[in-house]
Amino acid sequence: MKILFIAKNIPLPSYSENDIILKLAAGLEENQVDTQLLYPKELFPSFLSFLSKRMKASSSLNREFCVGQHSIKTVEYIRVFLVPKFEWALSMLPLKVDSSYRPDIIHAHFIFPDLMIAHGLKKEREKIVVTVRQGDLNNIKSSFYNLNLFKKYLAKTDLIIAPSPRIKFEVEKLLENRSTVQVIPNFIDDDFFTFPSIAKEIKHAGEDKIKLICVANLIERKNIDWLINAHRKRANYFDLVIVGSGPELNYLRTIADKSVLFTGRLERKAIIEKLDESDVFVLPSDNETFGLVYVEAMSRGKPIIGKRGTGLDGFCSEALYFVDDESDLLDALHSLRILLKDNKEQLNLASKRFSENFKTDVVIKKLVNEYKRLL
């Protein structure tokens, strides 16, 4: 079985990115699935490369490049980004692509432009698969033309994958309940399951004090100010640790109580240790396709609080809590504080049990089974 991945979010040699696609390809290779990676390289005048770091990194790419152990080829396309109505009008016309690789399945990891390019590359027998992400749903909200393209290309796609029940629901609503939408979530690194717990029993300043933790890129849409404001109002009941860095860091420091610990960016081992020392993971973020960090926290036995309508919302577990706003977050923290008094072990086990669904081998097996079903 030969699979061609088309993914615009592949890390580049001079631009770091979530490497989930590379890990997915590696997992498939370990299961004897021949996988080739194709990166959509946008064509634009060189003087516009200052518009984003990714555009600058992309402009200097060769036809084939390497990231770690992965050899990645490029396919060129044009995006009319200055004219929103016609932004993706030419993206279905891929340019300068190596046609020697003949896959059984072309798996696009976004709709814009990955799926459009996939259909442009299709010859005869290849099956087309797409994973729909939050960014795609955001794209169709910005343009009626994009919505029409969304429906047009999904209608002729053999398998639609959603990383969460929430995205499955959104896609089926737009496509009038098309039954080919399958939920296959992302997976987390095995380290989160195998790394031994070395955390000692934490003695809080107050008898019932709960230790909250947030691990995130500190950007505006993560709504970490909600958490800081909630902590400031209930500092007698909670400790708070914030792991990560980003453009919002200085602002968040100015509004935070002095007792809030900002650790900066940490390596995985240190993150796991901080999770083990904590009681509850909180991240009321907007626009999360999935949110690997939630499952990472749950693998260490932590109940989580996220924002309703995004991330893991739609999955079922007694250790999952979702809020709509800051006031709702305060209520959820109060409820969890009471629950943890008598049900900490139960919530710990529920979190770990839920996270088992997101082990690498479990998710890869689901994906391989769906591929086989198509052929």
Protein backbone atom coordinates (compact mmCIF):
# COMPACT_ATOMS: atom_id res chain seq x y z
CA MET A 1 0.00 0.00 0.00
CA LYS A 2 1.41 3.37 -1.07
CA ILE A 3 0.26 6.62 0.54
CA LEU A 4 1.06 10.15 -0.63
CA PHE A 5 0.75 12.73 2.15
CA ILE A 6 0.11 16.33 1.10
CA ALA A 7 0.49 18.66 4.08
CA LYS A 8 1.08 22.40 4.24
CA ASN A 9 2.03 22.21 7.94
CA ILE A 10 5.14 20.08 7.50
CA PRO A 11 8.11 21.58 9.42
CA LEU A 12 10.67 23.27 7.17
CA PRO A 13 14.46 23.33 7.62
CA SER A 14 14.36 26.95 8.83
CA TYR A 15 10.83 27.03 10.24
CA SER A 16 9.69 24.88 13.15
CA GLU A 17 6.15 23.52 13.16
CA ASN A 18 4.16 20.82 14.93
CA ASP A 19 5.71 17.61 13.61
CA ILE A 20 2.56 15.46 13.94
CA ILE A 21 2.51 14.75 10.17
CA LEU A 22 6.09 13.48 10.24
CA LYS A 23 5.31 11.28 13.25
CA LEU A 24 2.23 9.95 11.48
CA ALA A 25 4.28 9.09 8.39
CA ALA A 26 6.89 7.36 10.57
CA GLY A 27 4.16 5.37 12.33
CA LEU A 28 2.75 4.19 9.00
CA GLU A 29 6.21 3.18 7.77
CA GLU A 30 6.64 1.07 10.92
CA ASN A 31 3.42 -0.69 9.91
CA GLN A 32 4.79 -1.50 6.43
CA VAL A 33 2.89 1.32 4.71
CA ASP A 34 5.00 3.03 2.01
CA THR A 35 4.59 6.78 2.61
CA GLN A 36 5.78 9.73 0.50
CA LEU A 37 5.57 13.34 1.75
CA LEU A 38 4.65 16.28 -0.48
CA TYR A 39 4.83 19.90 0.66
CA PRO A 40 2.68 22.53 -1.14
CA LYS A 41 5.11 25.35 -1.92
CA GLU A 42 3.32 28.60 -2.59
CA LEU A 43 4.60 30.69 -5.50
CA PHE A 44 4.77 34.43 -4.85
CA PRO A 45 7.04 37.38 -5.73
CA SER A 46 10.21 37.21 -3.63
CA PHE A 47 9.70 40.74 -2.28
CA LEU A 48 6.60 39.51 -0.42
CA SER A 49 8.51 36.94 1.63
CA PHE A 50 8.60 39.38 4.55
CA LEU A 51 4.87 38.81 5.13
CA SER A 52 5.45 35.71 7.25
CA LYS A 53 8.29 33.56 8.57
CA ARG A 54 6.84 30.50 6.82
CA MET A 55 6.71 32.31 3.46
CA LYS A 56 10.33 33.34 3.89
CA ALA A 57 11.37 29.77 4.77
CA SER A 58 9.32 28.33 1.91
CA SER A 59 10.76 30.68 -0.71
CA SER A 60 14.27 29.22 -0.32
CA LEU A 61 13.26 25.54 -0.51
CA ASN A 62 14.71 23.19 -3.11
CA ARG A 63 12.50 20.82 -5.09
CA GLU A 64 13.34 18.20 -2.47
CA PHE A 65 14.46 18.79 1.11
CA CYS A 66 14.99 16.85 4.33
CA VAL A 67 13.63 17.30 7.84
CA GLY A 68 15.22 14.83 10.21
CA GLN A 69 15.04 11.40 8.56
CA HIS A 70 12.26 12.43 6.19
CA SER A 71 12.79 13.27 2.52
CA ILE A 72 10.09 15.68 1.35
CA LYS A 73 9.26 16.76 -2.20
CA THR A 74 7.51 19.98 -3.14
CA VAL A 75 4.57 20.80 -5.35
CA GLU A 76 4.13 24.40 -6.43
CA TYR A 77 0.79 26.21 -6.42
CA ILE A 78 -0.56 29.74 -6.66
CA ARG A 79 -2.73 31.46 -4.06
CA VAL A 80 -4.33 34.80 -4.96
CA PHE A 81 -4.12 35.95 -1.35
CA LEU A 82 -4.69 39.65 -2.09
CA VAL A 83 -8.12 38.92 -3.60
CA PRO A 84 -10.09 36.90 -1.00
CA LYS A 85 -12.88 36.00 -3.41
CA PHE A 86 -10.42 34.21 -5.70
CA GLU A 87 -7.82 33.23 -3.09
CA TRP A 88 -7.83 29.51 -3.95
CA ALA A 89 -9.03 29.74 -7.56
CA LEU A 90 -5.73 28.49 -9.04
CA SER A 91 -4.74 26.06 -6.28
CA MET A 92 -6.24 23.06 -8.07
CA LEU A 93 -3.57 23.47 -10.76
CA PRO A 94 -0.42 22.04 -9.14
CA LEU A 95 2.81 22.94 -10.94
CA LYS A 96 6.16 21.15 -11.32
CA VAL A 97 5.49 17.95 -9.45
CA ASP A 98 7.35 14.63 -9.68
CA SER A 99 4.82 12.16 -11.11
CA SER A 100 7.00 9.03 -10.78
CA TYR A 101 5.42 8.04 -7.46
CA ARG A 102 2.08 6.32 -8.08
CA PRO A 103 0.20 6.06 -4.79
CA ASP A 104 -2.87 4.00 -4.01
CA ILE A 105 -4.16 6.77 -1.75
CA ILE A 106 -3.54 10.51 -1.66
CA HIS A 107 -4.12 11.84 1.86
CA ALA A 108 -4.51 15.62 2.10
CA HIS A 109 -4.12 17.06 5.58
CA PHE A 110 -6.02 20.29 4.94
CA ILE A 111 -8.62 21.31 2.36
CA PHE A 112 -6.97 24.60 1.40
CA PRO A 113 -4.83 23.93 -0.60
CA ASP A 114 -3.90 20.29 0.15
CA LEU A 115 -7.14 18.63 -0.97
CA MET A 116 -7.41 20.82 -4.06
CA ILE A 117 -3.88 19.82 -5.05
CA ALA A 118 -4.71 16.15 -4.35
CA HIS A 119 -7.57 16.23 -6.84
CA GLY A 120 -5.33 18.03 -9.32
CA LEU A 121 -2.79 15.20 -9.05
CA LYS A 122 -5.32 12.37 -9.23
CA LYS A 123 -4.93 10.22 -12.34
CA GLU A 124 -7.39 7.34 -12.32
CA ARG A 125 -7.29 4.75 -9.60
CA GLU A 126 -6.05 6.77 -6.60
CA LYS A 127 -8.41 7.17 -3.68
CA ILE A 128 -8.57 10.60 -2.07
CA VAL A 129 -8.61 11.08 1.72
CA VAL A 130 -8.72 14.38 3.61
CA THR A 131 -8.40 15.38 7.24
CA VAL A 132 -10.54 18.44 7.94
CA ARG A 133 -9.09 20.79 10.55
CA GLN A 134 -10.21 23.88 12.41
CA GLY A 135 -8.28 26.09 9.99
CA ASP A 136 -10.45 24.80 7.13
CA LEU A 137 -13.62 25.64 9.03
CA ASN A 138 -12.26 29.12 9.72
CA ASN A 139 -11.50 29.55 6.01
CA ILE A 140 -15.07 28.87 4.93
CA LYS A 141 -16.41 31.38 7.44
CA SER A 142 -14.40 34.12 5.78
CA SER A 143 -15.71 33.58 2.25
CA PHE A 144 -18.84 32.23 0.57
CA TYR A 145 -16.60 31.26 -2.33
CA ASN A 146 -14.47 29.15 0.03
CA LEU A 147 -17.62 27.46 1.33
CA ASN A 148 -18.55 26.42 -2.21
CA LEU A 149 -15.05 25.03 -2.78
CA PHE A 150 -15.27 23.20 0.55
CA LYS A 151 -18.48 21.44 -0.51
CA LYS A 152 -17.32 20.81 -4.08
CA TYR A 153 -14.06 19.06 -3.17
CA LEU A 154 -15.41 17.11 -0.21
CA ALA A 155 -18.27 15.80 -2.37
CA LYS A 156 -15.80 13.95 -4.61
CA THR A 157 -13.49 12.77 -1.80
CA ASP A 158 -13.52 9.07 -0.89
CA LEU A 159 -12.93 9.44 2.85
CA ILE A 160 -13.26 12.44 5.16
CA ILE A 161 -11.48 12.29 8.52
CA ALA A 162 -12.24 14.55 11.47
CA PRO A 163 -9.84 14.66 14.44
CA SER A 164 -12.72 15.14 16.88
CA PRO A 165 -16.50 14.53 17.17
CA ARG A 166 -17.03 18.29 17.15
CA ILE A 167 -15.38 18.76 13.75
CA LYS A 168 -17.22 15.67 12.44
CA PHE A 169 -20.49 17.32 13.50
CA GLU A 170 -19.58 20.63 11.82
CA VAL A 171 -18.60 18.92 8.55
CA GLU A 172 -21.68 16.68 8.46
CA LYS A 173 -23.88 19.69 9.09
CA LEU A 174 -22.38 21.45 6.07
CA LEU A 175 -22.58 18.32 3.90
CA GLU A 176 -26.06 17.29 5.08
CA ASN A 177 -24.90 14.36 7.28
CA ARG A 178 -22.59 12.63 4.83
CA SER A 179 -21.77 9.27 6.40
CA THR A 180 -18.14 9.06 5.21
CA VAL A 181 -16.86 11.36 7.97
CA GLN A 182 -14.83 9.20 10.36
CA VAL A 183 -13.29 10.36 13.64
CA ILE A 184 -9.59 9.49 13.84
CA PRO A 185 -7.91 11.61 16.51
CA ASN A 186 -4.32 12.73 16.78
CA PHE A 187 -1.94 10.75 18.97
CA ILE A 188 0.51 11.83 21.64
CA ASP A 189 4.13 10.81 22.17
CA ASP A 190 4.60 7.51 23.98
CA ASP A 191 6.84 9.27 26.52
CA PHE A 192 3.75 10.61 28.25
CA PHE A 193 2.64 7.05 28.97
CA THR A 194 6.02 5.50 29.76
CA PHE A 195 7.87 8.21 31.69
CA PRO A 196 7.87 7.20 35.38
CA SER A 197 6.22 9.50 37.88
CA ILE A 198 8.84 11.01 40.17
CA ALA A 199 6.67 13.74 41.66
CA LYS A 200 6.54 13.86 45.43
CA GLU A 201 3.41 14.57 47.41
CA ILE A 202 2.95 18.33 47.25
CA LYS A 203 2.00 20.07 50.48
CA HIS A 204 0.06 23.20 49.62
CA ALA A 205 0.02 26.31 51.77
CA GLY A 206 -3.66 25.80 52.49
CA GLU A 207 -5.31 22.55 53.49
CA ASP A 208 -7.54 22.39 50.41
CA LYS A 209 -5.33 24.29 47.96
CA ILE A 210 -5.38 22.90 44.41
CA LYS A 211 -2.44 23.24 42.02
CA LEU A 212 -3.46 24.35 38.52
CA ILE A 213 -1.22 24.05 35.47
CA CYS A 214 -1.40 25.46 31.95
CA VAL A 215 0.98 24.45 29.16
CA ALA A 216 0.63 26.55 26.01
CA ASN A 217 2.04 28.86 23.41
CA LEU A 218 1.29 32.21 25.05
CA ILE A 219 -0.80 33.82 22.32
CA GLU A 220 -4.07 35.73 22.58
CA ARG A 221 -6.48 33.01 21.43
CA LYS A 222 -5.37 30.72 24.26
CA ASN A 223 -7.35 32.93 26.71
CA ILE A 224 -4.80 32.42 29.47
CA ASP A 225 -5.85 35.79 30.91
CA TRP A 226 -9.14 34.08 31.88
CA LEU A 227 -7.18 31.65 34.02
CA ILE A 228 -5.01 34.35 35.56
CA ASN A 229 -8.07 36.47 36.40
CA ALA A 230 -9.81 33.46 37.94
CA HIS A 231 -6.72 32.67 40.00
CA ARG A 232 -6.44 36.25 41.24
CA LYS A 233 -10.01 36.07 42.53
CA ARG A 234 -9.45 32.71 44.23
CA ALA A 235 -5.73 32.75 45.07
CA ASN A 236 -6.46 31.42 48.55
CA TYR A 237 -7.73 28.18 47.01
CA PHE A 238 -5.39 27.62 44.06
CA ASP A 239 -1.73 27.69 43.06
CA LEU A 240 -1.00 28.33 39.37
CA VAL A 241 1.90 27.30 37.13
CA ILE A 242 2.08 28.51 33.51
CA VAL A 243 4.47 26.67 31.20
CA GLY A 244 5.36 28.18 27.83
CA SER A 245 6.45 31.37 26.11
CA GLY A 246 5.07 33.66 23.45
CA PRO A 247 4.09 37.24 22.60
CA GLU A 248 1.55 37.48 25.45
CA LEU A 249 4.08 36.61 28.18
CA ASN A 250 4.86 40.16 29.36
CA TYR A 251 1.19 41.15 29.40
CA LEU A 252 0.23 38.03 31.35
CA ARG A 253 2.95 38.75 33.91
CA THR A 254 1.55 42.24 34.49
CA ILE A 255 -1.97 40.98 35.30
CA ALA A 256 -0.91 37.92 37.30
CA ASP A 257 -0.69 37.63 41.05
CA LYS A 258 2.92 37.48 42.30
CA SER A 259 2.37 33.88 43.38
CA VAL A 260 1.86 32.69 39.77
CA LEU A 261 4.89 30.74 38.52
CA PHE A 262 5.90 31.33 34.88
CA THR A 263 8.44 28.66 33.92
CA GLY A 264 9.05 29.63 30.31
CA ARG A 265 9.43 26.93 27.66
CA LEU A 266 10.37 23.50 29.03
CA GLU A 267 11.58 20.24 27.53
CA ARG A 268 9.20 17.27 27.52
CA LYS A 269 10.66 15.58 30.62
CA ALA A 270 10.32 18.78 32.65
CA ILE A 271 6.75 19.30 31.39
CA ILE A 272 5.82 15.78 32.50
CA GLU A 273 7.30 16.46 35.94
CA LYS A 274 5.29 19.68 36.26
CA LEU A 275 2.13 17.86 35.21
CA ASP A 276 2.77 15.18 37.82
CA GLU A 277 3.08 17.86 40.51
CA SER A 278 -0.27 19.42 39.56
CA ASP A 279 -3.92 18.60 40.19
CA VAL A 280 -5.84 20.12 37.26
CA PHE A 281 -4.87 21.18 33.71
CA VAL A 282 -6.59 24.34 32.44
CA LEU A 283 -6.50 25.84 28.93
CA PRO A 284 -9.70 27.64 27.75
CA SER A 285 -8.33 28.09 24.21
CA ASP A 286 -10.26 29.10 21.10
CA ASN A 287 -10.01 27.39 17.70
CA GLU A 288 -8.26 24.15 18.65
CA THR A 289 -8.51 21.43 16.00
CA PHE A 290 -7.77 18.84 18.66
CA GLY A 291 -5.38 20.02 21.35
CA LEU A 292 -2.72 17.37 21.98
CA VAL A 293 -1.72 19.06 25.22
CA TYR A 294 -5.07 18.16 26.81
CA VAL A 295 -4.51 14.45 26.19
CA GLU A 296 -0.89 14.75 27.32
CA ALA A 297 -2.12 16.12 30.66
CA MET A 298 -4.77 13.39 30.95
CA SER A 299 -2.17 10.68 30.32
CA ARG A 300 -0.58 11.85 33.58
CA GLY A 301 -3.92 11.53 35.38
CA LYS A 302 -5.06 15.16 35.30
CA PRO A 303 -8.67 16.23 34.74
CA ILE A 304 -8.80 19.08 32.23
CA ILE A 305 -10.79 22.26 31.68
CA GLY A 306 -11.04 23.48 28.08
CA LYS A 307 -13.36 25.77 26.15
CA ARG A 308 -16.70 24.50 24.93
CA GLY A 309 -17.01 24.13 21.15
CA THR A 310 -13.34 23.48 20.47
CA GLY A 311 -10.54 21.00 21.23
CA LEU A 312 -11.74 17.81 22.92
CA ASP A 313 -15.36 18.97 23.24
CA GLY A 314 -17.51 16.11 21.94
CA PHE A 315 -15.43 13.33 23.49
CA CYS A 316 -16.86 11.69 26.60
CA SER A 317 -15.08 11.36 29.95
CA GLU A 318 -15.92 12.31 33.52
CA ALA A 319 -12.51 14.02 33.63
CA LEU A 320 -13.37 16.50 30.84
CA TYR A 321 -14.84 19.91 31.69
CA PHE A 322 -15.71 22.72 29.29
CA VAL A 323 -16.52 26.39 29.86
CA ASP A 324 -17.96 29.26 27.84
CA ASP A 325 -16.42 32.30 29.53
CA GLU A 326 -14.46 33.57 32.54
CA SER A 327 -17.42 33.31 34.89
CA ASP A 328 -18.01 29.74 33.78
CA LEU A 329 -14.34 28.98 34.41
CA LEU A 330 -14.61 30.16 38.00
CA ASP A 331 -17.60 27.86 38.52
CA ALA A 332 -15.77 24.89 36.98
CA LEU A 333 -12.72 25.46 39.19
CA HIS A 334 -14.94 25.61 42.27
CA SER A 335 -16.71 22.37 41.27
CA LEU A 336 -13.45 20.53 40.62
CA ARG A 337 -11.99 21.71 43.90
CA ILE A 338 -14.90 20.08 45.72
CA LEU A 339 -14.74 16.90 43.61
CA LEU A 340 -11.02 16.45 44.16
CA LYS A 341 -11.50 16.25 47.93
CA ASP A 342 -13.14 12.83 47.74
CA ASN A 343 -12.76 11.73 44.11
CA LYS A 344 -9.16 12.53 43.16
CA GLU A 345 -8.22 8.91 42.49
CA GLN A 346 -11.38 8.33 40.44
CA LEU A 347 -10.68 11.40 38.27
CA ASN A 348 -7.04 10.34 37.95
CA LEU A 349 -8.04 6.90 36.65
CA ALA A 350 -10.71 8.34 34.33
CA SER A 351 -8.13 10.69 32.79
CA LYS A 352 -5.61 7.91 32.20
CA ARG A 353 -8.26 5.56 30.83
CA PHE A 354 -9.44 8.22 28.35
CA SER A 355 -5.90 8.96 27.17
CA GLU A 356 -5.34 5.31 26.20
CA ASN A 357 -7.42 6.01 23.07
CA PHE A 358 -4.69 8.34 21.81
CA LYS A 359 -1.69 6.06 21.92
CA THR A 360 0.33 5.95 18.70
CA ASP A 361 -0.38 2.31 17.88
CA VAL A 362 -4.12 2.69 18.53
CA VAL A 363 -4.51 5.67 16.19
CA ILE A 364 -2.22 4.27 13.47
CA LYS A 365 -4.22 1.02 13.47
CA LYS A 366 -7.47 2.94 12.96
CA LEU A 367 -5.99 4.87 10.04
CA VAL A 368 -4.51 1.78 8.37
CA ASN A 369 -7.86 -0.02 8.67
CA GLU A 370 -9.61 2.89 6.95
CA TYR A 371 -7.02 2.88 4.15
CA LYS A 372 -7.50 -0.87 3.64
CA ARG A 373 -11.26 -0.45 3.54
CA LEU A 374 -10.91 1.94 0.59
CA LEU A 375 -8.79 -0.39 -1.54
